[in-house]
Amino acid sequence: MLEAINQIYKHRKDFILIGLTGKIGAGCSTTAKFMTQDISSHNLPSLCISSSSSDTDRKKNIIQKFYLANWKPFVKITASDVITSFLLENDFDTVQNFLKSANFKEFNLDFKKDYNRLHKEYKNISFKKKNKETYEYITNKLSNASLEIKKALGIENKYRNYSEIYQNIGDNLRLSGTATNNKNTDLKNIFTISERINKFVKIIKYHKIEVKKEPAYIVIDAFRNPFEAMYFKERYAAFYLFSINAEQRHVEDRLARGLKMSIDQIKQQDDKENPSDTVDSAKNFVSQNIKACIQKSDVHIANNGMYGNSNYHELYGQIIKYISLIQHPGLITPSLDEKMMQVAHTAKLNSACLSRQVGASITNEYGSLKAIGWNSVADGQTPCLLRSKDEILTGTESKSFSMYEKGEKFKKAIIEFYPKIKSEDLLGRNQSFCFSEIHNKQIMAEKNQNTEACKCDKNQVHTRSLHAEENAFLQISKYGGEGIKNGTLYSTASPCELCSKKAYQLGIKRIVYIDPYPGTAQEQILLSGLYLPKVELFKGAIGNAYNKLYEPIISYKDELSALRIKI
């Protein structure tokens, strides 16, 4: 029966594909390095005391014993190496002209001979072939080529001369399909990078499983565009997206001290990684969007600590936990934080807000669930998703729109600012409109395109929806629930200033969040006064991954019983 058990879990253990995402400085590279190492290179703490009555300690022991018996090093695919492969399609002069036209530092002419060597070596490789030469190239030689190019671009200034150039090339590939061209826009190229990564995955998988007769564990470092991550989610049941997160102060410290980035460069990088939510050009689809990647993640890993901190025990402990659960679902049960955040994650699906979905849950001090909420309009009002532009312009529906919206001024703003969509392009979809977007554009027009003046008025007040957190707070009051003093607030997005004030007033002792919200909520509200709530990044599995990792394939009782039967 042992063979039967092994066969049941074989598909789990033979092939695992993990994608990493996170801000520069969050720790994706550190995570990928750990995953590629043999167990002998890992420096993890010893097992907890076996007699401990703590369930947390018992779970750690179970995971660590399983990890020690089942760990296999991963093969790494680095996004920058994939971009290098596209760059090497071009001859030296083409690359030089691209760097010059984009105002980047050009290669020293002394590098021409070395570049031509790398270019020729690349031309001799076909990614359509799964031979040993191709495998060796993508797992070894390509990373060496990236390093040579990195040095030639000026390794002394890591941010400007290397990272920024490769970010630019990545955008070009998604926009035009080529590394050096962003003029020929065709969004059919949006998956150009993903498709090449997928070729690498197939080559590695074939070589590991079919040639070497061993499991194929692959980590992709790192996704920076959400559509690229979704490409793999749609194709591989064995794919999991891990977001590596860190508090902003830790990220800034690592970038400043590690990469020697200035405050302005850090701000520019943050803006590059987190563009506006408003889609106003093709670049919104092809550019980096780390925030959106984090929102799509299956597992959230926290990697806090200042620059130079060599103790990664907490980070490594999280990694081995979730890889063990991928290999063998149901080894342990989820944490309280995971259970409550899964409730919040499920709650957010109720949101009919066009901009974003946010969910929240609240427990009392004993961890008992007391309320859930999601961002939505007040009960009795119609959310934006269920209303249409045609309804308000024709006046066919009156109760779903406010007196302000039915005014000629707002109607004119809809006609002027809302994109004209042909009925045939809708394909049956409802032509909803976002109130806050129209309202804020109207403000900008009235301010004569004064962006700074507009920023003063563009805030969360100009929305029809209650925020998820305040909705959850109000549910307790509405239905006469018990107090939540010393309780915990779980939110799929960190609370804004207004919701933070409410949480503080209600005596919330702890706030756990996933997606950072722009603003000064922590610095201005939560980190002042006599009673400071503890604010933490969420650690754990969420969404479909929660069910996949914690639901046993067969009951553990049956699994153990089967192991006693000899055939």
Protein backbone atom coordinates (compact mmCIF):
# COMPACT_ATOMS: atom_id res chain seq x y z
CA MET A 1 0.00 0.00 0.00
CA LEU A 2 3.00 2.28 0.37
CA GLU A 3 3.30 2.33 -3.42
CA ALA A 4 -0.37 3.32 -3.70
CA ILE A 5 0.14 6.26 -1.31
CA ASN A 6 3.23 7.35 -3.24
CA GLN A 7 1.29 7.25 -6.51
CA ILE A 8 -1.53 9.35 -5.04
CA TYR A 9 0.92 12.10 -4.14
CA LYS A 10 3.19 11.61 -7.15
CA HIS A 11 1.66 14.42 -9.21
CA ARG A 12 2.25 16.75 -6.27
CA LYS A 13 5.85 15.77 -5.73
CA ASP A 14 7.02 15.34 -9.33
CA PHE A 15 6.42 18.89 -10.54
CA ILE A 16 6.16 22.17 -8.62
CA LEU A 17 6.23 25.60 -10.24
CA ILE A 18 6.51 28.64 -7.97
CA GLY A 19 6.56 32.26 -9.09
CA LEU A 20 7.89 35.02 -6.84
CA THR A 21 6.75 38.63 -6.80
CA GLY A 22 7.42 41.64 -4.62
CA LYS A 23 9.00 45.05 -4.55
CA ILE A 24 12.71 45.50 -5.22
CA GLY A 25 14.26 45.12 -1.78
CA ALA A 26 11.49 42.89 -0.40
CA GLY A 27 13.57 39.71 -0.68
CA CYS A 28 12.63 37.78 -3.84
CA SER A 29 16.28 37.08 -4.69
CA THR A 30 17.02 35.91 -1.14
CA THR A 31 14.01 33.58 -1.28
CA ALA A 32 14.99 32.18 -4.69
CA LYS A 33 18.56 31.56 -3.51
CA PHE A 34 17.32 29.57 -0.51
CA MET A 35 15.01 27.49 -2.70
CA THR A 36 17.83 26.52 -5.07
CA GLN A 37 20.10 25.28 -2.27
CA ASP A 38 20.58 21.76 -1.06
CA ILE A 39 19.33 21.07 2.46
CA SER A 40 22.93 20.88 3.71
CA SER A 41 23.31 24.60 2.97
CA HIS A 42 20.25 25.60 5.00
CA ASN A 43 20.75 27.06 8.43
CA LEU A 44 17.46 26.49 10.18
CA PRO A 45 16.78 26.36 13.94
CA SER A 46 16.50 22.97 15.61
CA LEU A 47 13.16 21.34 16.36
CA CYS A 48 11.02 22.74 19.14
CA ILE A 49 10.78 20.89 22.46
CA SER A 50 8.79 17.75 21.73
CA SER A 51 6.86 18.06 24.98
CA SER A 52 5.68 21.60 24.18
CA SER A 53 1.96 22.12 24.65
CA SER A 54 1.95 24.88 22.05
CA ASP A 55 0.11 23.97 18.84
CA THR A 56 2.34 26.44 17.00
CA ASP A 57 5.46 24.55 18.13
CA ARG A 58 3.89 21.21 17.23
CA LYS A 59 3.08 22.47 13.71
CA LYS A 60 6.66 23.68 13.29
CA ASN A 61 7.99 20.27 14.30
CA ILE A 62 5.68 18.44 11.86
CA ILE A 63 6.70 20.72 8.98
CA GLN A 64 10.41 20.54 9.77
CA LYS A 65 10.43 16.72 9.96
CA PHE A 66 8.62 16.53 6.61
CA TYR A 67 10.97 19.12 5.09
CA LEU A 68 14.05 17.17 6.23
CA ALA A 69 12.72 14.01 4.56
CA ASN A 70 11.37 15.52 1.33
CA TRP A 71 13.27 18.69 0.36
CA LYS A 72 14.47 18.96 -3.24
CA PRO A 73 16.40 22.00 -4.57
CA PHE A 74 14.63 24.15 -7.15
CA VAL A 75 15.94 25.21 -10.53
CA LYS A 76 15.77 28.98 -10.89
CA ILE A 77 14.52 30.93 -13.90
CA THR A 78 15.40 34.59 -13.48
CA ALA A 79 13.30 37.18 -15.27
CA SER A 80 16.39 39.27 -15.99
CA ASP A 81 18.00 36.25 -17.71
CA VAL A 82 14.91 35.83 -19.86
CA ILE A 83 15.15 39.50 -20.85
CA THR A 84 18.84 38.97 -21.62
CA SER A 85 17.86 36.21 -24.07
CA PHE A 86 15.70 38.73 -25.97
CA LEU A 87 18.44 41.35 -25.90
CA LEU A 88 20.95 38.89 -27.40
CA GLU A 89 18.71 38.45 -30.43
CA ASN A 90 20.06 41.83 -31.58
CA ASP A 91 23.51 42.67 -32.88
CA PHE A 92 25.80 45.06 -31.03
CA ASP A 93 24.99 48.15 -33.10
CA THR A 94 21.22 47.70 -32.67
CA VAL A 95 21.60 47.49 -28.89
CA GLN A 96 23.89 50.54 -28.85
CA ASN A 97 21.39 52.58 -30.83
CA PHE A 98 18.59 51.53 -28.44
CA LEU A 99 20.58 52.55 -25.37
CA LYS A 100 21.46 55.88 -26.97
CA SER A 101 17.88 56.65 -28.06
CA ALA A 102 16.55 55.87 -24.56
CA ASN A 103 19.21 58.09 -22.94
CA PHE A 104 20.86 55.15 -21.18
CA LYS A 105 24.57 54.61 -20.72
CA GLU A 106 25.96 52.86 -23.82
CA PHE A 107 28.30 49.88 -23.87
CA ASN A 108 32.00 50.63 -23.97
CA LEU A 109 33.30 49.74 -27.43
CA ASP A 110 35.76 47.36 -25.74
CA PHE A 111 32.75 45.18 -24.88
CA LYS A 112 31.80 44.69 -28.55
CA LYS A 113 33.98 41.58 -28.95
CA ASP A 114 32.49 39.96 -25.81
CA TYR A 115 28.95 40.90 -26.83
CA ASN A 116 29.43 39.37 -30.28
CA ARG A 117 30.62 36.17 -28.59
CA LEU A 118 27.47 36.09 -26.41
CA HIS A 119 25.30 36.92 -29.43
CA LYS A 120 26.81 34.06 -31.47
CA GLU A 121 26.44 31.62 -28.56
CA TYR A 122 22.77 32.56 -28.27
CA LYS A 123 22.18 32.13 -32.02
CA ASN A 124 23.42 28.53 -31.78
CA ILE A 125 20.66 27.67 -29.29
CA SER A 126 17.09 26.75 -30.22
CA PHE A 127 14.43 26.87 -27.49
CA LYS A 128 12.35 24.48 -29.59
CA LYS A 129 14.80 21.73 -28.72
CA LYS A 130 14.89 19.96 -25.35
CA ASN A 131 18.47 18.71 -25.66
CA LYS A 132 21.20 18.90 -23.04
CA GLU A 133 22.85 21.93 -24.69
CA THR A 134 19.68 24.00 -24.46
CA TYR A 135 19.13 22.92 -20.83
CA GLU A 136 22.69 23.88 -19.89
CA TYR A 137 22.33 27.21 -21.65
CA ILE A 138 19.16 28.35 -19.88
CA THR A 139 20.22 27.05 -16.44
CA ASN A 140 23.84 28.18 -16.47
CA LYS A 141 25.29 30.02 -19.47
CA LEU A 142 22.45 32.54 -19.78
CA SER A 143 22.94 33.79 -16.21
CA ASN A 144 26.66 34.23 -16.93
CA ALA A 145 25.75 36.26 -20.02
CA SER A 146 23.47 38.44 -17.88
CA LEU A 147 26.31 39.06 -15.45
CA GLU A 148 28.69 40.10 -18.24
CA ILE A 149 26.11 42.52 -19.63
CA LYS A 150 25.37 43.81 -16.14
CA LYS A 151 29.04 44.61 -15.57
CA ALA A 152 29.31 46.26 -18.98
CA LEU A 153 26.33 48.51 -18.22
CA GLY A 154 27.93 49.70 -15.00
CA ILE A 155 27.54 47.48 -11.98
CA GLU A 156 28.75 50.33 -9.75
CA ASN A 157 25.36 52.00 -10.22
CA LYS A 158 22.98 49.06 -9.95
CA TYR A 159 19.81 51.10 -10.17
CA ARG A 160 20.33 53.42 -13.12
CA ASN A 161 22.56 51.44 -15.41
CA TYR A 162 21.10 47.98 -15.13
CA SER A 163 17.72 47.63 -13.41
CA GLU A 164 16.16 50.59 -15.15
CA ILE A 165 17.38 49.45 -18.58
CA TYR A 166 15.98 45.95 -18.08
CA GLN A 167 12.67 47.36 -16.84
CA ASN A 168 12.50 49.41 -20.02
CA ILE A 169 13.26 46.34 -22.17
CA GLY A 170 10.56 44.36 -20.34
CA ASP A 171 7.98 47.04 -21.18
CA ASN A 172 9.15 47.04 -24.82
CA LEU A 173 8.74 43.26 -25.09
CA ARG A 174 5.17 43.35 -23.78
CA LEU A 175 4.35 46.29 -26.04
CA SER A 176 6.06 45.43 -29.34
CA GLY A 177 7.45 41.91 -28.94
CA THR A 178 11.04 43.11 -29.34
CA ALA A 179 13.61 44.30 -26.80
CA THR A 180 14.67 47.50 -28.53
CA ASN A 181 11.39 48.79 -29.97
CA ASN A 182 8.40 50.40 -28.26
CA LYS A 183 6.97 52.10 -31.34
CA ASN A 184 5.05 49.23 -32.95
CA THR A 185 2.37 48.79 -30.30
CA ASP A 186 0.44 45.52 -30.44
CA LEU A 187 -1.05 44.14 -27.23
CA LYS A 188 -0.94 40.66 -28.72
CA ASN A 189 2.65 40.79 -27.46
CA ILE A 190 1.61 41.16 -23.82
CA PHE A 191 2.62 37.55 -23.10
CA THR A 192 5.96 37.66 -24.97
CA ILE A 193 8.02 37.24 -21.78
CA SER A 194 5.60 34.67 -20.31
CA GLU A 195 5.74 32.52 -23.43
CA ARG A 196 9.53 32.38 -23.33
CA ILE A 197 9.55 31.58 -19.63
CA ASN A 198 7.11 28.79 -20.41
CA LYS A 199 9.52 27.39 -23.01
CA PHE A 200 12.23 27.37 -20.33
CA VAL A 201 9.85 25.61 -17.91
CA LYS A 202 9.06 22.87 -20.43
CA ILE A 203 12.76 22.29 -21.23
CA ILE A 204 13.70 22.07 -17.55
CA LYS A 205 10.72 19.85 -16.74
CA TYR A 206 11.56 17.45 -19.59
CA HIS A 207 15.24 17.25 -18.67
CA LYS A 208 14.61 16.70 -14.95
CA ILE A 209 11.73 14.20 -15.19
CA GLU A 210 12.40 12.37 -18.46
CA VAL A 211 16.22 12.45 -18.61
CA LYS A 212 17.37 12.59 -14.99
CA LYS A 213 14.32 10.72 -13.60
CA GLU A 214 13.92 13.15 -10.73
CA PRO A 215 11.33 15.74 -9.67
CA ALA A 216 11.21 19.07 -11.48
CA TYR A 217 10.96 21.91 -8.97
CA ILE A 218 11.19 25.33 -10.63
CA VAL A 219 11.12 28.85 -9.16
CA ILE A 220 10.61 31.95 -11.33
CA ASP A 221 12.25 35.11 -9.96
CA ALA A 222 10.32 37.38 -10.28
CA PHE A 223 6.97 38.40 -11.74
CA ARG A 224 6.40 42.13 -12.07
CA ASN A 225 3.32 42.17 -14.30
CA PRO A 226 0.02 40.59 -13.08
CA PHE A 227 -1.02 39.30 -16.52
CA GLU A 228 2.22 37.30 -16.77
CA ALA A 229 1.41 35.65 -13.45
CA MET A 230 -2.14 34.91 -14.60
CA TYR A 231 -0.68 33.27 -17.75
CA PHE A 232 0.84 30.54 -15.56
CA LYS A 233 -2.12 30.32 -13.20
CA GLU A 234 -4.32 29.43 -16.17
CA ARG A 235 -1.91 26.77 -17.46
CA TYR A 236 -0.49 24.94 -14.48
CA ALA A 237 -2.36 23.44 -11.53
CA ALA A 238 1.07 23.08 -9.90
CA PHE A 239 1.75 26.83 -10.11
CA TYR A 240 1.68 29.01 -6.99
CA LEU A 241 2.46 32.72 -6.82
CA PHE A 242 4.40 33.69 -3.67
CA SER A 243 4.52 37.38 -2.78
CA ILE A 244 7.54 38.36 -0.69
CA ASN A 245 6.51 41.36 1.38
CA ALA A 246 8.26 43.69 3.79
CA GLU A 247 7.28 46.82 5.64
CA GLN A 248 8.04 49.94 3.63
CA ARG A 249 10.65 51.20 6.11
CA HIS A 250 12.59 47.95 5.74
CA VAL A 251 12.40 48.11 1.94
CA GLU A 252 13.65 51.69 1.90
CA ASP A 253 16.51 50.83 4.28
CA ARG A 254 17.64 47.93 2.05
CA LEU A 255 17.46 50.01 -1.12
CA ALA A 256 19.31 52.95 0.44
CA ARG A 257 22.08 50.90 2.08
CA GLY A 258 22.21 47.90 -0.24
CA LEU A 259 21.68 49.42 -3.69
CA LYS A 260 22.82 52.94 -2.69
CA MET A 261 19.60 54.43 -4.05
CA SER A 262 18.71 58.01 -3.21
CA ILE A 263 15.34 59.06 -1.77
CA ASP A 264 14.30 60.34 -5.20
CA GLN A 265 15.32 57.08 -6.89
CA ILE A 266 13.36 55.06 -4.32
CA LYS A 267 10.31 57.23 -4.99
CA GLN A 268 10.74 56.83 -8.77
CA GLN A 269 11.08 53.07 -8.38
CA ASP A 270 7.96 52.89 -6.22
CA ASP A 271 5.99 54.87 -8.81
CA LYS A 272 7.32 52.57 -11.55
CA GLU A 273 6.29 49.43 -9.67
CA ASN A 274 2.86 50.76 -8.70
CA PRO A 275 1.28 52.74 -11.55
CA SER A 276 -2.09 54.43 -11.45
CA ASP A 277 -5.15 52.18 -11.23
CA THR A 278 -6.77 54.14 -14.05
CA VAL A 279 -6.30 52.57 -17.48
CA ASP A 280 -5.52 55.46 -19.83
CA SER A 281 -3.07 53.85 -22.27
CA ALA A 282 -1.63 50.53 -23.42
CA LYS A 283 1.22 51.00 -20.94
CA ASN A 284 -1.14 50.16 -18.08
CA PHE A 285 -1.23 46.60 -19.40
CA VAL A 286 2.46 46.17 -20.23
CA SER A 287 4.17 47.98 -17.38
CA GLN A 288 5.16 46.71 -13.97
CA ASN A 289 2.43 46.60 -11.32
CA ILE A 290 3.67 44.97 -8.14
CA LYS A 291 0.56 45.91 -6.17
CA ALA A 292 -1.63 44.00 -8.63
CA CYS A 293 0.77 41.03 -8.51
CA ILE A 294 0.53 40.95 -4.71
CA GLN A 295 -3.26 41.02 -4.93
CA LYS A 296 -3.15 37.94 -7.21
CA SER A 297 -0.75 35.99 -4.97
CA ASP A 298 -1.59 32.59 -3.50
CA VAL A 299 0.84 32.70 -0.59
CA HIS A 300 2.09 35.77 1.27
CA ILE A 301 5.54 35.65 2.86
CA ALA A 302 6.72 38.34 5.30
CA ASN A 303 10.41 39.23 5.21
CA ASN A 304 10.98 42.00 7.71
CA GLY A 305 14.31 43.10 9.12
CA MET A 306 16.79 45.85 8.35
CA TYR A 307 19.62 45.69 5.82
CA GLY A 308 22.44 43.35 6.79
CA ASN A 309 20.24 41.12 8.92
CA SER A 310 21.62 37.65 8.19
CA ASN A 311 19.03 35.82 10.29
CA TYR A 312 16.40 34.67 7.85
CA HIS A 313 14.94 31.93 10.04
CA GLU A 314 11.42 33.40 9.94
CA LEU A 315 11.55 33.80 6.15
CA TYR A 316 12.94 30.31 5.58
CA GLY A 317 10.44 28.80 7.99
CA GLN A 318 7.56 30.19 5.94
CA ILE A 319 9.07 28.89 2.68
CA ILE A 320 9.52 25.31 3.87
CA LYS A 321 6.04 25.34 5.40
CA TYR A 322 4.25 26.12 2.15
CA ILE A 323 6.46 23.96 -0.07
CA SER A 324 5.78 21.05 2.32
CA LEU A 325 2.04 21.72 2.09
CA ILE A 326 2.25 21.81 -1.71
CA GLN A 327 3.91 18.38 -1.60
CA HIS A 328 1.47 16.99 0.97
CA PRO A 329 -1.73 19.00 1.60
CA GLY A 330 -3.25 18.78 5.06
CA LEU A 331 -0.04 18.12 7.01
CA ILE A 332 -1.14 20.80 9.47
CA THR A 333 -4.14 23.05 9.94
CA PRO A 334 -4.20 26.75 9.02
CA SER A 335 -3.32 29.47 11.51
CA LEU A 336 -5.96 31.73 13.02
CA ASP A 337 -4.68 34.59 10.85
CA GLU A 338 -5.09 32.45 7.73
CA LYS A 339 -8.63 31.43 8.69
CA MET A 340 -9.74 34.99 9.36
CA MET A 341 -8.01 36.45 6.30
CA GLN A 342 -9.63 33.75 4.16
CA VAL A 343 -12.99 34.99 5.48
CA ALA A 344 -12.01 38.55 4.50
CA HIS A 345 -10.82 37.35 1.08
CA THR A 346 -14.15 35.59 0.49
CA ALA A 347 -16.06 38.65 1.70
CA LYS A 348 -14.37 40.92 -0.83
CA LEU A 349 -15.98 38.98 -3.69
CA ASN A 350 -19.29 40.54 -2.61
CA SER A 351 -17.97 43.96 -3.60
CA ALA A 352 -19.49 45.51 -6.71
CA CYS A 353 -17.07 48.45 -6.64
CA LEU A 354 -15.52 49.00 -10.09
CA SER A 355 -12.13 50.17 -8.81
CA ARG A 356 -11.10 47.39 -6.45
CA GLN A 357 -12.48 44.71 -4.17
CA VAL A 358 -11.54 44.78 -0.49
CA GLY A 359 -12.71 42.49 2.30
CA ALA A 360 -12.42 42.67 6.08
CA SER A 361 -13.15 40.53 9.10
CA ILE A 362 -13.07 41.35 12.82
CA THR A 363 -12.52 39.08 15.80
CA ASN A 364 -12.82 39.74 19.52
CA GLU A 365 -9.80 39.39 21.80
CA TYR A 366 -10.34 35.60 21.94
CA GLY A 367 -10.18 35.16 18.16
CA SER A 368 -13.92 34.63 17.67
CA LEU A 369 -15.30 36.08 14.42
CA LYS A 370 -17.69 38.97 15.10
CA ALA A 371 -18.18 40.76 11.77
CA ILE A 372 -17.29 40.78 8.10
CA GLY A 373 -17.45 43.60 5.57
CA TRP A 374 -16.61 44.56 2.02
CA ASN A 375 -16.39 47.84 0.16
CA SER A 376 -19.89 48.56 -1.04
CA VAL A 377 -22.56 51.23 -1.16
CA ALA A 378 -24.94 51.63 1.77
CA ASP A 379 -27.69 49.02 2.02
CA GLY A 380 -30.54 50.04 -0.29
CA GLN A 381 -28.34 51.84 -2.82
CA THR A 382 -27.25 50.32 -6.14
CA PRO A 383 -23.50 49.64 -6.59
CA CYS A 384 -21.68 51.03 -9.64
CA LEU A 385 -21.20 47.60 -11.21
CA LEU A 386 -24.97 47.12 -11.53
CA ARG A 387 -25.71 50.57 -13.00
CA SER A 388 -25.18 51.68 -16.59
CA LYS A 389 -24.19 54.83 -18.43
CA ASP A 390 -27.21 54.56 -20.74
CA GLU A 391 -29.66 54.41 -17.83
CA ILE A 392 -28.59 57.73 -16.40
CA LEU A 393 -28.32 59.52 -19.74
CA THR A 394 -31.77 58.36 -20.87
CA GLY A 395 -33.38 58.71 -17.46
CA THR A 396 -34.90 55.22 -17.63
CA GLU A 397 -34.01 54.42 -14.03
CA SER A 398 -34.37 57.03 -11.31
CA LYS A 399 -33.93 55.34 -7.90
CA SER A 400 -30.43 54.05 -8.61
CA PHE A 401 -28.95 57.51 -9.20
CA SER A 402 -28.54 60.46 -6.84
CA MET A 403 -29.88 63.95 -7.44
CA TYR A 404 -26.29 65.07 -7.97
CA GLU A 405 -25.73 62.44 -10.67
CA LYS A 406 -28.98 63.30 -12.42
CA GLY A 407 -27.89 66.93 -12.69
CA GLU A 408 -26.88 68.23 -16.10
CA LYS A 409 -23.39 69.05 -14.87
CA PHE A 410 -22.58 65.43 -13.99
CA LYS A 411 -24.27 64.05 -17.12
CA LYS A 412 -22.15 66.37 -19.21
CA ALA A 413 -19.05 65.10 -17.39
CA ILE A 414 -19.97 61.49 -18.22
CA ILE A 415 -20.36 62.32 -21.92
CA GLU A 416 -17.14 64.34 -21.96
CA PHE A 417 -14.86 62.13 -19.88
CA TYR A 418 -16.17 58.59 -20.11
CA PRO A 419 -14.65 56.61 -22.96
CA LYS A 420 -16.96 55.95 -25.89
CA ILE A 421 -17.39 52.22 -26.26
CA LYS A 422 -19.11 50.74 -29.29
CA SER A 423 -22.01 48.43 -28.46
CA GLU A 424 -20.47 45.65 -30.58
CA ASP A 425 -17.27 45.86 -28.51
CA LEU A 426 -19.18 45.37 -25.27
CA LEU A 427 -20.22 41.83 -26.28
CA GLY A 428 -23.16 41.96 -23.88
CA ARG A 429 -21.23 43.53 -21.00
CA ASN A 430 -22.87 46.21 -18.87
CA GLN A 431 -21.45 49.70 -19.52
CA SER A 432 -21.02 50.68 -15.89
CA PHE A 433 -19.24 53.83 -14.82
CA CYS A 434 -17.18 54.74 -11.76
CA PHE A 435 -18.64 57.73 -9.90
CA SER A 436 -15.39 58.72 -8.20
CA GLU A 437 -13.44 58.61 -11.48
CA ILE A 438 -15.94 60.91 -13.22
CA HIS A 439 -16.13 63.19 -10.18
CA ASN A 440 -12.34 63.51 -9.87
CA LYS A 441 -11.93 64.20 -13.59
CA GLN A 442 -14.57 66.88 -13.23
CA ILE A 443 -12.59 68.42 -10.38
CA MET A 444 -9.44 68.43 -12.49
CA ALA A 445 -11.26 70.20 -15.30
CA GLU A 446 -12.59 72.82 -12.92
CA LYS A 447 -9.08 73.34 -11.55
CA ASN A 448 -7.90 74.04 -15.12
CA GLN A 449 -5.74 70.91 -15.19
CA ASN A 450 -3.97 71.95 -12.00
CA THR A 451 -2.81 68.50 -10.91
CA GLU A 452 -1.56 69.59 -7.50
CA ALA A 453 -4.83 71.35 -6.73
CA CYS A 454 -6.70 68.28 -7.85
CA LYS A 455 -4.73 66.04 -5.50
CA CYS A 456 -6.10 67.98 -2.55
CA ASP A 457 -9.62 67.02 -3.50
CA LYS A 458 -9.04 63.51 -4.84
CA ASN A 459 -9.51 61.22 -1.86
CA GLN A 460 -11.59 58.41 -0.49
CA VAL A 461 -14.45 60.75 0.49
CA HIS A 462 -15.40 61.09 -3.17
CA THR A 463 -16.65 57.54 -3.48
CA ARG A 464 -20.09 56.01 -3.12
CA SER A 465 -18.81 52.95 -1.29
CA LEU A 466 -18.24 52.32 2.36
CA HIS A 467 -14.78 50.92 2.96
CA ALA A 468 -14.69 47.25 3.91
CA GLU A 469 -13.40 47.97 7.42
CA GLU A 470 -16.02 50.57 8.29
CA ASN A 471 -18.72 48.35 6.80
CA ALA A 472 -17.62 45.56 9.19
CA PHE A 473 -17.60 48.00 12.13
CA LEU A 474 -21.11 49.17 11.26
CA GLN A 475 -22.44 45.61 11.04
CA ILE A 476 -21.62 45.14 14.72
CA SER A 477 -23.51 48.29 15.64
CA LYS A 478 -26.39 47.55 13.24
CA TYR A 479 -27.11 44.10 14.61
CA GLY A 480 -26.27 44.72 18.25
CA GLY A 481 -23.11 42.66 18.47
CA GLU A 482 -20.66 42.60 21.37
CA GLY A 483 -17.73 44.95 21.74
CA ILE A 484 -14.49 44.28 19.89
CA LYS A 485 -12.06 46.01 22.23
CA ASN A 486 -8.64 44.27 22.11
CA GLY A 487 -9.79 42.41 19.00
CA THR A 488 -8.12 42.00 15.62
CA LEU A 489 -8.99 43.62 12.29
CA TYR A 490 -8.11 41.62 9.16
CA SER A 491 -8.17 43.46 5.86
CA THR A 492 -7.09 42.53 2.34
CA ALA A 493 -5.81 46.14 2.13
CA SER A 494 -4.28 48.19 4.90
CA PRO A 495 -6.87 50.59 6.37
CA CYS A 496 -6.95 54.20 5.23
CA GLU A 497 -6.79 57.17 7.61
CA LEU A 498 -10.57 57.26 8.13
CA CYS A 499 -10.88 53.53 8.88
CA SER A 500 -7.77 53.64 11.08
CA LYS A 501 -9.41 56.30 13.27
CA LYS A 502 -12.48 54.10 13.68
CA ALA A 503 -10.35 51.06 14.53
CA TYR A 504 -8.43 53.09 17.10
CA GLN A 505 -11.63 54.44 18.67
CA LEU A 506 -13.12 50.92 18.94
CA GLY A 507 -10.03 49.63 20.73
CA ILE A 508 -8.70 47.30 18.03
CA LYS A 509 -5.46 45.88 19.40
CA ARG A 510 -4.07 44.31 16.22
CA ILE A 511 -4.39 45.01 12.47
CA VAL A 512 -3.35 42.42 9.87
CA TYR A 513 -3.30 43.45 6.21
CA ILE A 514 -2.11 42.29 2.76
CA ASP A 515 -1.99 45.17 0.31
CA PRO A 516 -0.48 48.47 1.52
CA TYR A 517 -2.83 51.44 1.06
CA PRO A 518 -1.31 54.82 0.10
CA GLY A 519 -1.53 57.45 2.78
CA THR A 520 -0.38 58.26 6.30
CA ALA A 521 -2.65 55.96 8.30
CA GLN A 522 0.13 54.22 10.21
CA GLU A 523 2.40 57.20 10.81
CA GLN A 524 -0.34 59.70 11.65
CA ILE A 525 -3.08 57.61 13.30
CA LEU A 526 -1.94 54.18 14.42
CA LEU A 527 1.49 55.12 15.77
CA SER A 528 0.36 57.93 18.07
CA GLY A 529 -1.41 58.12 21.42
CA LEU A 530 -1.51 55.88 24.47
CA TYR A 531 -2.81 52.69 22.88
CA LEU A 532 -0.80 51.63 19.87
CA PRO A 533 -2.39 48.83 17.81
CA LYS A 534 0.05 46.26 16.45
CA VAL A 535 0.12 46.49 12.63
CA GLU A 536 1.37 43.40 10.77
CA LEU A 537 1.76 42.14 7.22
CA PHE A 538 -0.28 39.00 6.61
CA LYS A 539 1.59 35.70 6.38
CA GLY A 540 -0.17 32.74 4.84
CA ALA A 541 -2.14 31.08 2.06
CA ILE A 542 -5.23 32.71 0.63
CA GLY A 543 -7.97 32.08 -1.93
CA ASN A 544 -7.88 28.82 -3.88
CA ALA A 545 -4.45 28.03 -2.43
CA TYR A 546 -5.95 27.94 1.07
CA ASN A 547 -8.18 25.03 0.04
CA LYS A 548 -5.50 23.30 -2.07
CA LEU A 549 -2.91 23.35 0.72
CA TYR A 550 -5.06 22.53 3.74
CA GLU A 551 -7.56 20.03 2.32
CA PRO A 552 -6.06 16.49 2.50
CA ILE A 553 -6.13 14.46 -0.70
CA ILE A 554 -7.20 11.48 1.43
CA SER A 555 -7.99 11.49 5.15
CA TYR A 556 -4.85 11.24 7.23
CA LYS A 557 -6.35 8.33 9.17
CA ASP A 558 -6.79 6.35 5.94
CA GLU A 559 -3.31 7.30 4.80
CA LEU A 560 -1.73 5.95 8.00
CA SER A 561 -3.90 2.84 7.90
CA ALA A 562 -2.79 2.12 4.33
CA LEU A 563 0.85 2.26 5.37
CA ARG A 564 0.27 -0.71 7.73
CA ILE A 565 -1.07 -2.93 4.97
CA LYS A 566 1.51 -5.07 3.18
CA ILE A 567 0.81 -6.24 -0.40
